[in-house]
Amino acid sequence: MDPEAVESFFGWIDERHSIYKRRVAGEPPPWTTDPILQEYKFTNPFRENDRVTVWMRENWTSPNDERPSWEIFFNCCLFRMVGTSEFANAHGWVNFGMRGWDPSFTKDLIEERLANGQKTFTGAYIITNQGIKAPKSEVVVECFLKPIDEAKVLLAETAASTNSLQETHNSLSTYKGWGGGGFMAYEVITDLNYTSVLRTAHDRYTWANAGPGAKRGLNRLLGNPLTKGMKQEAANSKMHSLLQMKADISKLPLETQKSIDMRTIEHSLCEWDKYERVRLNQGRPRAKFNVDNYLSRNSVIGPIV
């Protein structure tokens, strides 16, 4: 890998995370002197600092950490398949010991909130109908969540027997709505890594599911054409090598170094690729950062990543 590119990659992680720390500390804008980071929206390198994930940990998974593993598994799938704290708060955790899951309740709540213009599905990623001609509420409940409800014990047993993020991801990816490139399954597996289901997974620092953006980022580091294909095994090997380089970056604070795992590497490769596209005049991210909107929203609901 190109040493200067590697320095740039870890420098992006450091500066983007520093923006987050300055915001949380209550410092006034601008929180960076980098013009690209000032103008465009980039996600925090550490997923656990994401606002929705913070809400999920505090209100969804942590209070239910001692529930059965299969119940936690299903509820993480339910949360990410819709993807907003507003919906999760209205729906509530599904306690299978009390009443079990009522698919009609979930479907009706989705339809009711959509009809009333209330925030329901996330805008952070796209949940498609996968070609199924039916209302989104029906597809999500009947096609994507019902099979998980039926397989939740088996999926939790896979997690327990393998103690592996990768193996559990592979199992979840076989179900409709959770496969393809494995993005949705990866979201859930990452959540489970912070619960009693997979908290001690042996491959947290050796495996990640590389998405298209991460592969582009790797190609930049390797000096390859950006669209060059890369199998998951090869991408995973390169990401692991990159993870091991973090200790060699003298400008990277020790606290930040320690927090970087394979998920951080994978996600940051995607965001750094967006950054490089702007820097090299190869394209632009879809969203600009509006400081006034940030300050207005921040005054109501707390720090944004």
C-alpha atoms as a PDB file:
ATOM      1  CA  MET A   1       0.000   0.000   0.000  1.00  0.00           C
ATOM      2  CA  ASP A   2       1.129   3.536  -0.723  1.00  0.00           C
ATOM      3  CA  PRO A   3       2.534   4.962   2.558  1.00  0.00           C
ATOM      4  CA  GLU A   4       1.256   8.489   1.875  1.00  0.00           C
ATOM      5  CA  ALA A   5      -2.216   7.165   1.110  1.00  0.00           C
ATOM      6  CA  VAL A   6      -2.185   5.124   4.325  1.00  0.00           C
ATOM      7  CA  GLU A   7      -1.222   8.270   6.283  1.00  0.00           C
ATOM      8  CA  SER A   8      -4.054  10.142   4.561  1.00  0.00           C
ATOM      9  CA  PHE A   9      -6.538   7.396   5.429  1.00  0.00           C
ATOM     10  CA  PHE A  10      -5.711   7.341   9.123  1.00  0.00           C
ATOM     11  CA  GLY A  11      -5.487  11.128   9.100  1.00  0.00           C
ATOM     12  CA  TRP A  12      -9.078  11.237   7.868  1.00  0.00           C
ATOM     13  CA  ILE A  13     -10.171   8.967  10.743  1.00  0.00           C
ATOM     14  CA  ASP A  14      -8.392  11.194  13.251  1.00  0.00           C
ATOM     15  CA  GLU A  15      -9.737  14.497  11.937  1.00  0.00           C
ATOM     16  CA  ARG A  16     -13.329  13.289  11.451  1.00  0.00           C
ATOM     17  CA  HIS A  17     -13.365  11.859  14.967  1.00  0.00           C
ATOM     18  CA  SER A  18     -11.842  15.093  16.301  1.00  0.00           C
ATOM     19  CA  ILE A  19     -14.787  16.983  14.792  1.00  0.00           C
ATOM     20  CA  TYR A  20     -17.116  14.757  16.805  1.00  0.00           C
ATOM     21  CA  LYS A  21     -15.177  15.364  20.018  1.00  0.00           C
ATOM     22  CA  ARG A  22     -15.200  19.131  19.489  1.00  0.00           C
ATOM     23  CA  ARG A  23     -18.957  19.111  18.919  1.00  0.00           C
ATOM     24  CA  VAL A  24     -19.615  17.025  22.012  1.00  0.00           C
ATOM     25  CA  ALA A  25     -17.390  19.385  24.021  1.00  0.00           C
ATOM     26  CA  GLY A  26     -19.668  22.243  23.000  1.00  0.00           C
ATOM     27  CA  GLU A  27     -17.096  24.122  20.948  1.00  0.00           C
ATOM     28  CA  PRO A  28     -18.491  26.577  18.377  1.00  0.00           C
ATOM     29  CA  PRO A  29     -18.170  25.911  14.637  1.00  0.00           C
ATOM     30  CA  PRO A  30     -16.214  25.471  12.539  1.00  0.00           C
ATOM     31  CA  TRP A  31     -14.906  22.291  14.131  1.00  0.00           C
ATOM     32  CA  THR A  32     -12.197  21.763  11.507  1.00  0.00           C
ATOM     33  CA  THR A  33      -9.989  23.750   9.168  1.00  0.00           C
ATOM     34  CA  ASP A  34     -10.386  21.114   6.443  1.00  0.00           C
ATOM     35  CA  PRO A  35     -12.573  22.717   3.727  1.00  0.00           C
ATOM     36  CA  ILE A  36     -13.882  19.374   2.461  1.00  0.00           C
ATOM     37  CA  LEU A  37     -14.971  18.231   5.916  1.00  0.00           C
ATOM     38  CA  GLN A  38     -16.546  21.655   6.455  1.00  0.00           C
ATOM     39  CA  GLU A  39     -18.603  21.483   3.271  1.00  0.00           C
ATOM     40  CA  TYR A  40     -19.728  17.864   3.015  1.00  0.00           C
ATOM     41  CA  LYS A  41     -21.315  15.329   5.358  1.00  0.00           C
ATOM     42  CA  PHE A  42     -19.154  12.382   6.349  1.00  0.00           C
ATOM     43  CA  THR A  43     -20.170   9.718   8.840  1.00  0.00           C
ATOM     44  CA  ASN A  44     -18.179   9.306  12.043  1.00  0.00           C
ATOM     45  CA  PRO A  45     -15.569   6.542  11.661  1.00  0.00           C
ATOM     46  CA  PHE A  46     -16.783   4.903  14.870  1.00  0.00           C
ATOM     47  CA  ARG A  47     -20.260   3.462  14.415  1.00  0.00           C
ATOM     48  CA  GLU A  48     -20.917   3.456  18.153  1.00  0.00           C
ATOM     49  CA  ASN A  49     -20.971   7.277  18.051  1.00  0.00           C
ATOM     50  CA  ASP A  50     -23.775   7.325  15.501  1.00  0.00           C
ATOM     51  CA  ARG A  51     -26.853   8.939  17.033  1.00  0.00           C
ATOM     52  CA  VAL A  52     -29.250   6.127  16.142  1.00  0.00           C
ATOM     53  CA  THR A  53     -26.799   3.507  17.378  1.00  0.00           C
ATOM     54  CA  VAL A  54     -26.340   5.404  20.648  1.00  0.00           C
ATOM     55  CA  TRP A  55     -30.125   5.417  21.101  1.00  0.00           C
ATOM     56  CA  MET A  56     -30.261   1.727  20.273  1.00  0.00           C
ATOM     57  CA  ARG A  57     -27.619   0.829  22.838  1.00  0.00           C
ATOM     58  CA  GLU A  58     -29.175   2.939  25.588  1.00  0.00           C
ATOM     59  CA  ASN A  59     -32.833   2.106  24.983  1.00  0.00           C
ATOM     60  CA  TRP A  60     -32.979  -1.146  23.034  1.00  0.00           C
ATOM     61  CA  THR A  61     -30.145  -3.623  23.521  1.00  0.00           C
ATOM     62  CA  SER A  62     -28.516  -2.664  26.839  1.00  0.00           C
ATOM     63  CA  PRO A  63     -31.723  -2.814  28.934  1.00  0.00           C
ATOM     64  CA  ASN A  64     -32.424  -6.242  27.412  1.00  0.00           C
ATOM     65  CA  ASP A  65     -28.928  -7.723  27.487  1.00  0.00           C
ATOM     66  CA  GLU A  66     -30.002 -10.594  29.736  1.00  0.00           C
ATOM     67  CA  ARG A  67     -32.913 -11.626  27.535  1.00  0.00           C
ATOM     68  CA  PRO A  68     -32.601 -14.891  25.539  1.00  0.00           C
ATOM     69  CA  SER A  69     -30.079 -14.652  22.714  1.00  0.00           C
ATOM     70  CA  TRP A  70     -32.649 -15.490  20.059  1.00  0.00           C
ATOM     71  CA  GLU A  71     -34.902 -12.687  21.319  1.00  0.00           C
ATOM     72  CA  ILE A  72     -32.017 -10.211  21.110  1.00  0.00           C
ATOM     73  CA  PHE A  73     -31.204 -11.477  17.621  1.00  0.00           C
ATOM     74  CA  PHE A  74     -34.736 -10.901  16.359  1.00  0.00           C
ATOM     75  CA  ASN A  75     -35.055  -7.473  17.940  1.00  0.00           C
ATOM     76  CA  CYS A  76     -31.797  -6.295  16.362  1.00  0.00           C
ATOM     77  CA  CYS A  77     -33.144  -7.411  12.989  1.00  0.00           C
ATOM     78  CA  LEU A  78     -36.419  -5.607  13.629  1.00  0.00           C
ATOM     79  CA  PHE A  79     -34.630  -2.413  14.613  1.00  0.00           C
ATOM     80  CA  ARG A  80     -32.293  -2.273  11.603  1.00  0.00           C
ATOM     81  CA  MET A  81     -34.886  -3.332   9.043  1.00  0.00           C
ATOM     82  CA  VAL A  82     -36.773  -0.106   9.770  1.00  0.00           C
ATOM     83  CA  GLY A  83     -33.807   1.794  11.118  1.00  0.00           C
ATOM     84  CA  THR A  84     -35.078   4.750  13.145  1.00  0.00           C
ATOM     85  CA  SER A  85     -35.235   5.378  16.866  1.00  0.00           C
ATOM     86  CA  GLU A  86     -38.598   7.082  16.376  1.00  0.00           C
ATOM     87  CA  PHE A  87     -40.184   3.900  15.049  1.00  0.00           C
ATOM     88  CA  ALA A  88     -38.444   1.671  17.587  1.00  0.00           C
ATOM     89  CA  ASN A  89     -39.619   3.891  20.426  1.00  0.00           C
ATOM     90  CA  ALA A  90     -43.206   3.695  19.215  1.00  0.00           C
ATOM     91  CA  HIS A  91     -43.024  -0.058  18.581  1.00  0.00           C
ATOM     92  CA  GLY A  92     -41.156  -1.235  21.654  1.00  0.00           C
ATOM     93  CA  TRP A  93     -38.942  -4.246  22.264  1.00  0.00           C
ATOM     94  CA  VAL A  94     -40.586  -7.589  21.458  1.00  0.00           C
ATOM     95  CA  ASN A  95     -40.579  -9.663  24.646  1.00  0.00           C
ATOM     96  CA  PHE A  96     -41.341 -13.217  23.588  1.00  0.00           C
ATOM     97  CA  GLY A  97     -41.912 -14.254  27.184  1.00  0.00           C
ATOM     98  CA  MET A  98     -44.835 -11.854  27.518  1.00  0.00           C
ATOM     99  CA  ARG A  99     -46.702 -11.666  24.242  1.00  0.00           C
ATOM    100  CA  GLY A 100     -44.377 -12.646  21.418  1.00  0.00           C
ATOM    101  CA  TRP A 101     -44.204 -10.844  18.124  1.00  0.00           C
ATOM    102  CA  ASP A 102     -47.406  -9.706  16.453  1.00  0.00           C
ATOM    103  CA  PRO A 103     -46.591  -9.151  12.751  1.00  0.00           C
ATOM    104  CA  SER A 104     -49.879  -7.314  12.225  1.00  0.00           C
ATOM    105  CA  PHE A 105     -48.971  -4.784  14.912  1.00  0.00           C
ATOM    106  CA  THR A 106     -45.644  -4.032  13.246  1.00  0.00           C
ATOM    107  CA  LYS A 107     -47.187  -3.745   9.787  1.00  0.00           C
ATOM    108  CA  ASP A 108     -50.058  -1.568  10.987  1.00  0.00           C
ATOM    109  CA  LEU A 109     -47.705   0.728  12.891  1.00  0.00           C
ATOM    110  CA  ILE A 110     -45.511   1.214   9.820  1.00  0.00           C
ATOM    111  CA  GLU A 111     -48.543   2.047   7.680  1.00  0.00           C
ATOM    112  CA  GLU A 112     -50.021   4.366  10.304  1.00  0.00           C
ATOM    113  CA  ARG A 113     -46.802   6.319  10.735  1.00  0.00           C
ATOM    114  CA  LEU A 114     -46.232   6.608   6.997  1.00  0.00           C
ATOM    115  CA  ALA A 115     -49.795   7.840   6.496  1.00  0.00           C
ATOM    116  CA  ASN A 116     -49.326  10.454   9.234  1.00  0.00           C
ATOM    117  CA  GLY A 117     -46.006  11.634   7.851  1.00  0.00           C
ATOM    118  CA  GLN A 118     -44.107  10.421  10.920  1.00  0.00           C
ATOM    119  CA  LYS A 119     -40.499   9.337  10.621  1.00  0.00           C
ATOM    120  CA  THR A 120     -40.450   5.614  10.025  1.00  0.00           C
ATOM    121  CA  PHE A 121     -37.780   4.226   7.697  1.00  0.00           C
ATOM    122  CA  THR A 122     -34.192   5.383   7.878  1.00  0.00           C
ATOM    123  CA  GLY A 123     -32.677   7.582   5.211  1.00  0.00           C
ATOM    124  CA  ALA A 124     -29.167   6.356   6.018  1.00  0.00           C
ATOM    125  CA  TYR A 125     -29.579   3.314   3.770  1.00  0.00           C
ATOM    126  CA  ILE A 126     -32.175   2.084   1.302  1.00  0.00           C
ATOM    127  CA  ILE A 127     -34.455  -0.814   2.167  1.00  0.00           C
ATOM    128  CA  THR A 128     -35.811  -1.995  -1.168  1.00  0.00           C
ATOM    129  CA  ASN A 129     -38.729  -4.285  -1.965  1.00  0.00           C
ATOM    130  CA  GLN A 130     -36.322  -6.488  -3.948  1.00  0.00           C
ATOM    131  CA  GLY A 131     -38.715  -6.574  -6.861  1.00  0.00           C
ATOM    132  CA  ILE A 132     -41.701  -7.687  -4.791  1.00  0.00           C
ATOM    133  CA  LYS A 133     -44.870  -5.867  -5.874  1.00  0.00           C
ATOM    134  CA  ALA A 134     -46.455  -5.107  -2.525  1.00  0.00           C
ATOM    135  CA  PRO A 135     -46.536  -2.239  -0.017  1.00  0.00           C
ATOM    136  CA  LYS A 136     -43.237  -1.754   1.767  1.00  0.00           C
ATOM    137  CA  SER A 137     -44.810  -2.539   5.133  1.00  0.00           C
ATOM    138  CA  GLU A 138     -45.970  -5.907   3.851  1.00  0.00           C
ATOM    139  CA  VAL A 139     -42.625  -6.768   2.265  1.00  0.00           C
ATOM    140  CA  VAL A 140     -40.664  -5.861   5.387  1.00  0.00           C
ATOM    141  CA  VAL A 141     -42.921  -7.825   7.722  1.00  0.00           C
ATOM    142  CA  GLU A 142     -44.014 -10.793   5.626  1.00  0.00           C
ATOM    143  CA  CYS A 143     -40.902 -11.362   3.500  1.00  0.00           C
ATOM    144  CA  PHE A 144     -38.001 -10.066   5.570  1.00  0.00           C
ATOM    145  CA  LEU A 145     -38.947 -10.339   9.254  1.00  0.00           C
ATOM    146  CA  LYS A 146     -41.248 -13.382   9.432  1.00  0.00           C
ATOM    147  CA  PRO A 147     -38.531 -15.778   8.208  1.00  0.00           C
ATOM    148  CA  ILE A 148     -36.174 -14.367  10.851  1.00  0.00           C
ATOM    149  CA  ASP A 149     -38.826 -14.889  13.513  1.00  0.00           C
ATOM    150  CA  GLU A 150     -39.108 -18.511  12.432  1.00  0.00           C
ATOM    151  CA  ALA A 151     -35.322 -19.003  12.336  1.00  0.00           C
ATOM    152  CA  LYS A 152     -34.298 -16.896  15.329  1.00  0.00           C
ATOM    153  CA  VAL A 153     -33.377 -19.843  17.559  1.00  0.00           C
ATOM    154  CA  LEU A 154     -31.301 -21.471  14.818  1.00  0.00           C
ATOM    155  CA  LEU A 155     -29.525 -18.185  14.065  1.00  0.00           C
ATOM    156  CA  ALA A 156     -28.747 -17.623  17.743  1.00  0.00           C
ATOM    157  CA  GLU A 157     -27.424 -21.172  18.014  1.00  0.00           C
ATOM    158  CA  THR A 158     -25.066 -20.467  15.112  1.00  0.00           C
ATOM    159  CA  ALA A 159     -23.770 -17.411  16.945  1.00  0.00           C
ATOM    160  CA  ALA A 160     -23.296 -19.405  20.147  1.00  0.00           C
ATOM    161  CA  SER A 161     -21.604 -22.413  18.558  1.00  0.00           C
ATOM    162  CA  THR A 162     -19.209 -20.441  16.341  1.00  0.00           C
ATOM    163  CA  ASN A 163     -18.708 -17.265  18.405  1.00  0.00           C
ATOM    164  CA  SER A 164     -17.950 -15.746  15.014  1.00  0.00           C
ATOM    165  CA  LEU A 165     -19.185 -12.556  13.376  1.00  0.00           C
ATOM    166  CA  GLN A 166     -18.375 -13.956   9.953  1.00  0.00           C
ATOM    167  CA  GLU A 167     -20.142 -17.294  10.402  1.00  0.00           C
ATOM    168  CA  THR A 168     -23.222 -15.656  11.896  1.00  0.00           C
ATOM    169  CA  HIS A 169     -23.206 -13.098   9.080  1.00  0.00           C
ATOM    170  CA  ASN A 170     -23.033 -15.897   6.525  1.00  0.00           C
ATOM    171  CA  SER A 171     -26.052 -17.591   8.108  1.00  0.00           C
ATOM    172  CA  LEU A 172     -28.161 -14.432   8.300  1.00  0.00           C
ATOM    173  CA  SER A 173     -27.242 -13.504   4.715  1.00  0.00           C
ATOM    174  CA  THR A 174     -29.050 -16.580   3.395  1.00  0.00           C
ATOM    175  CA  TYR A 175     -32.435 -15.046   4.247  1.00  0.00           C
ATOM    176  CA  LYS A 176     -34.292 -12.787   1.839  1.00  0.00           C
ATOM    177  CA  GLY A 177     -33.761  -9.124   2.615  1.00  0.00           C
ATOM    178  CA  TRP A 178     -30.502  -9.834   4.420  1.00  0.00           C
ATOM    179  CA  GLY A 179     -28.313 -11.161   1.610  1.00  0.00           C
ATOM    180  CA  GLY A 180     -27.029  -9.637  -1.607  1.00  0.00           C
ATOM    181  CA  GLY A 181     -23.864  -7.790  -0.660  1.00  0.00           C
ATOM    182  CA  GLY A 182     -24.597  -8.590   2.961  1.00  0.00           C
ATOM    183  CA  PHE A 183     -25.072  -4.974   4.054  1.00  0.00           C
ATOM    184  CA  MET A 184     -28.184  -5.484   6.182  1.00  0.00           C
ATOM    185  CA  ALA A 185     -26.830  -8.648   7.766  1.00  0.00           C
ATOM    186  CA  TYR A 186     -23.607  -6.776   8.540  1.00  0.00           C
ATOM    187  CA  GLU A 187     -25.522  -4.027  10.319  1.00  0.00           C
ATOM    188  CA  VAL A 188     -27.212  -6.562  12.578  1.00  0.00           C
ATOM    189  CA  ILE A 189     -24.053  -8.581  13.220  1.00  0.00           C
ATOM    190  CA  THR A 190     -22.245  -5.403  14.243  1.00  0.00           C
ATOM    191  CA  ASP A 191     -25.054  -4.671  16.700  1.00  0.00           C
ATOM    192  CA  LEU A 192     -24.866  -8.191  18.103  1.00  0.00           C
ATOM    193  CA  ASN A 193     -21.140  -7.681  18.691  1.00  0.00           C
ATOM    194  CA  TYR A 194     -22.188  -5.224  21.410  1.00  0.00           C
ATOM    195  CA  THR A 195     -24.659  -7.592  23.070  1.00  0.00           C
ATOM    196  CA  SER A 196     -24.399 -10.813  25.039  1.00  0.00           C
ATOM    197  CA  VAL A 197     -24.978 -12.707  21.773  1.00  0.00           C
ATOM    198  CA  LEU A 198     -21.586 -11.966  20.185  1.00  0.00           C
ATOM    199  CA  ARG A 199     -19.755  -9.675  22.589  1.00  0.00           C
ATOM    200  CA  THR A 200     -16.809 -12.075  22.814  1.00  0.00           C
ATOM    201  CA  ALA A 201     -16.675 -12.950  19.098  1.00  0.00           C
ATOM    202  CA  HIS A 202     -13.174 -14.121  18.239  1.00  0.00           C
ATOM    203  CA  ASP A 203     -12.993 -12.377  14.852  1.00  0.00           C
ATOM    204  CA  ARG A 204     -13.801  -8.749  15.698  1.00  0.00           C
ATOM    205  CA  TYR A 205     -10.244  -7.754  14.786  1.00  0.00           C
ATOM    206  CA  THR A 206      -9.812 -10.130  11.855  1.00  0.00           C
ATOM    207  CA  TRP A 207     -13.041  -9.902   9.816  1.00  0.00           C
ATOM    208  CA  ALA A 208     -15.331  -7.324   8.241  1.00  0.00           C
ATOM    209  CA  ASN A 209     -17.752  -7.384   5.325  1.00  0.00           C
ATOM    210  CA  ALA A 210     -16.275  -5.108   2.643  1.00  0.00           C
ATOM    211  CA  GLY A 211     -18.880  -3.087   0.779  1.00  0.00           C
ATOM    212  CA  PRO A 212     -18.344  -1.442  -2.639  1.00  0.00           C
ATOM    213  CA  GLY A 213     -17.100   1.800  -1.073  1.00  0.00           C
ATOM    214  CA  ALA A 214     -14.564  -0.006   1.090  1.00  0.00           C
ATOM    215  CA  LYS A 215     -13.262  -1.858  -1.952  1.00  0.00           C
ATOM    216  CA  ARG A 216     -12.854   1.426  -3.819  1.00  0.00           C
ATOM    217  CA  GLY A 217     -10.939   2.784  -0.842  1.00  0.00           C
ATOM    218  CA  LEU A 218      -8.674  -0.261  -0.862  1.00  0.00           C
ATOM    219  CA  ASN A 219      -8.055   0.170  -4.576  1.00  0.00           C
ATOM    220  CA  ARG A 220      -6.958   3.748  -3.902  1.00  0.00           C
ATOM    221  CA  LEU A 221      -4.505   2.577  -1.270  1.00  0.00           C
ATOM    222  CA  LEU A 222      -3.171  -0.123  -3.580  1.00  0.00           C
ATOM    223  CA  GLY A 223      -2.889   2.131  -6.623  1.00  0.00           C
ATOM    224  CA  ASN A 224      -5.378  -0.004  -8.555  1.00  0.00           C
ATOM    225  CA  PRO A 225      -8.112   1.183 -10.931  1.00  0.00           C
ATOM    226  CA  LEU A 226     -10.972   2.213  -8.647  1.00  0.00           C
ATOM    227  CA  THR A 227     -13.418  -0.196 -10.261  1.00  0.00           C
ATOM    228  CA  LYS A 228     -11.127  -3.218 -10.094  1.00  0.00           C
ATOM    229  CA  GLY A 229     -12.983  -6.198  -8.692  1.00  0.00           C
ATOM    230  CA  MET A 230     -11.993  -7.657  -5.354  1.00  0.00           C
ATOM    231  CA  LYS A 231     -13.289 -10.790  -3.649  1.00  0.00           C
ATOM    232  CA  GLN A 232     -14.279 -10.648   0.000  1.00  0.00           C
ATOM    233  CA  GLU A 233     -11.363 -12.833   1.040  1.00  0.00           C
ATOM    234  CA  ALA A 234      -8.831 -10.531  -0.613  1.00  0.00           C
ATOM    235  CA  ALA A 235     -10.519  -7.392   0.710  1.00  0.00           C
ATOM    236  CA  ASN A 236     -10.589  -8.843   4.205  1.00  0.00           C
ATOM    237  CA  SER A 237      -6.888  -9.659   4.065  1.00  0.00           C
ATOM    238  CA  LYS A 238      -6.035  -6.117   2.943  1.00  0.00           C
ATOM    239  CA  MET A 239      -8.255  -4.563   5.617  1.00  0.00           C
ATOM    240  CA  HIS A 240      -6.586  -6.677   8.280  1.00  0.00           C
ATOM    241  CA  SER A 241      -3.161  -5.559   7.059  1.00  0.00           C
ATOM    242  CA  LEU A 242      -4.352  -1.962   7.221  1.00  0.00           C
ATOM    243  CA  LEU A 243      -5.641  -2.461  10.756  1.00  0.00           C
ATOM    244  CA  GLN A 244      -2.200  -3.634  11.844  1.00  0.00           C
ATOM    245  CA  MET A 245      -0.650  -0.443  10.445  1.00  0.00           C
ATOM    246  CA  LYS A 246      -2.525   1.813  12.864  1.00  0.00           C
ATOM    247  CA  ALA A 247       0.230   1.542  15.477  1.00  0.00           C
ATOM    248  CA  ASP A 248       2.738   2.941  12.977  1.00  0.00           C
ATOM    249  CA  ILE A 249       0.857   6.210  12.510  1.00  0.00           C
ATOM    250  CA  SER A 250       2.657   8.519  14.931  1.00  0.00           C
ATOM    251  CA  LYS A 251       0.117  11.337  14.641  1.00  0.00           C
ATOM    252  CA  LEU A 252      -2.803   9.070  15.565  1.00  0.00           C
ATOM    253  CA  PRO A 253      -3.714   9.473  19.267  1.00  0.00           C
ATOM    254  CA  LEU A 254      -3.339   6.279  21.293  1.00  0.00           C
ATOM    255  CA  GLU A 255      -6.978   6.485  22.414  1.00  0.00           C
ATOM    256  CA  THR A 256      -8.109   6.536  18.790  1.00  0.00           C
ATOM    257  CA  GLN A 257      -5.736   3.726  17.830  1.00  0.00           C
ATOM    258  CA  LYS A 258      -7.185   1.444  20.487  1.00  0.00           C
ATOM    259  CA  SER A 259     -10.748   2.071  19.309  1.00  0.00           C
ATOM    260  CA  ILE A 260     -10.104   1.088  15.700  1.00  0.00           C
ATOM    261  CA  ASP A 261     -11.328  -2.398  14.813  1.00  0.00           C
ATOM    262  CA  MET A 262     -12.128  -4.063  11.497  1.00  0.00           C
ATOM    263  CA  ARG A 263     -15.567  -2.452  11.309  1.00  0.00           C
ATOM    264  CA  THR A 264     -13.920   0.963  11.691  1.00  0.00           C
ATOM    265  CA  ILE A 265     -11.464   0.163   8.899  1.00  0.00           C
ATOM    266  CA  GLU A 266     -14.196  -1.053   6.531  1.00  0.00           C
ATOM    267  CA  HIS A 267     -16.519   1.862   7.137  1.00  0.00           C
ATOM    268  CA  SER A 268     -13.776   4.492   7.046  1.00  0.00           C
ATOM    269  CA  LEU A 269     -12.458   3.196   3.732  1.00  0.00           C
ATOM    270  CA  CYS A 270     -15.840   4.012   2.220  1.00  0.00           C
ATOM    271  CA  GLU A 271     -15.954   7.509   3.731  1.00  0.00           C
ATOM    272  CA  TRP A 272     -12.304   8.232   2.898  1.00  0.00           C
ATOM    273  CA  ASP A 273     -12.991   7.226  -0.702  1.00  0.00           C
ATOM    274  CA  LYS A 274     -15.731   9.896  -0.809  1.00  0.00           C
ATOM    275  CA  TYR A 275     -13.292  12.414   0.638  1.00  0.00           C
ATOM    276  CA  GLU A 276     -10.655  11.572  -1.966  1.00  0.00           C
ATOM    277  CA  ARG A 277     -13.192  11.912  -4.770  1.00  0.00           C
ATOM    278  CA  VAL A 278     -13.781  15.510  -3.743  1.00  0.00           C
ATOM    279  CA  ARG A 279     -10.094  16.253  -3.217  1.00  0.00           C
ATOM    280  CA  LEU A 280      -9.167  14.852  -6.621  1.00  0.00           C
ATOM    281  CA  ASN A 281     -12.180  16.360  -8.440  1.00  0.00           C
ATOM    282  CA  GLN A 282     -13.571  12.911  -9.221  1.00  0.00           C
ATOM    283  CA  GLY A 283     -17.047  13.501  -7.810  1.00  0.00           C
ATOM    284  CA  ARG A 284     -19.039  14.831  -4.886  1.00  0.00           C
ATOM    285  CA  PRO A 285     -20.907  13.237  -1.942  1.00  0.00           C
ATOM    286  CA  ARG A 286     -24.678  13.522  -2.217  1.00  0.00           C
ATOM    287  CA  ALA A 287     -25.111  15.576   0.971  1.00  0.00           C
ATOM    288  CA  LYS A 288     -23.566  18.845   2.053  1.00  0.00           C
ATOM    289  CA  PHE A 289     -23.117  19.765   5.697  1.00  0.00           C
ATOM    290  CA  ASN A 290     -25.394  22.604   6.797  1.00  0.00           C
ATOM    291  CA  VAL A 291     -24.075  24.097  10.019  1.00  0.00           C
ATOM    292  CA  ASP A 292     -27.274  26.075  10.686  1.00  0.00           C
ATOM    293  CA  ASN A 293     -29.410  22.943  10.431  1.00  0.00           C
ATOM    294  CA  TYR A 294     -26.953  21.154  12.684  1.00  0.00           C
ATOM    295  CA  LEU A 295     -27.073  23.830  15.360  1.00  0.00           C
ATOM    296  CA  SER A 296     -30.870  24.025  15.198  1.00  0.00           C
ATOM    297  CA  ARG A 297     -31.301  20.278  15.530  1.00  0.00           C
ATOM    298  CA  ASN A 298     -28.548  19.975  18.099  1.00  0.00           C
ATOM    299  CA  SER A 299     -30.281  22.435  20.408  1.00  0.00           C
ATOM    300  CA  VAL A 300     -33.270  20.086  20.578  1.00  0.00           C
ATOM    301  CA  ILE A 301     -31.956  16.533  20.522  1.00  0.00           C
ATOM    302  CA  GLY A 302     -28.306  16.621  21.516  1.00  0.00           C
ATOM    303  CA  PRO A 303     -24.957  16.140  19.780  1.00  0.00           C
ATOM    304  CA  ILE A 304     -24.852  14.838  16.247  1.00  0.00           C
ATOM    305  CA  VAL A 305     -21.925  12.748  15.118  1.00  0.00           C
END
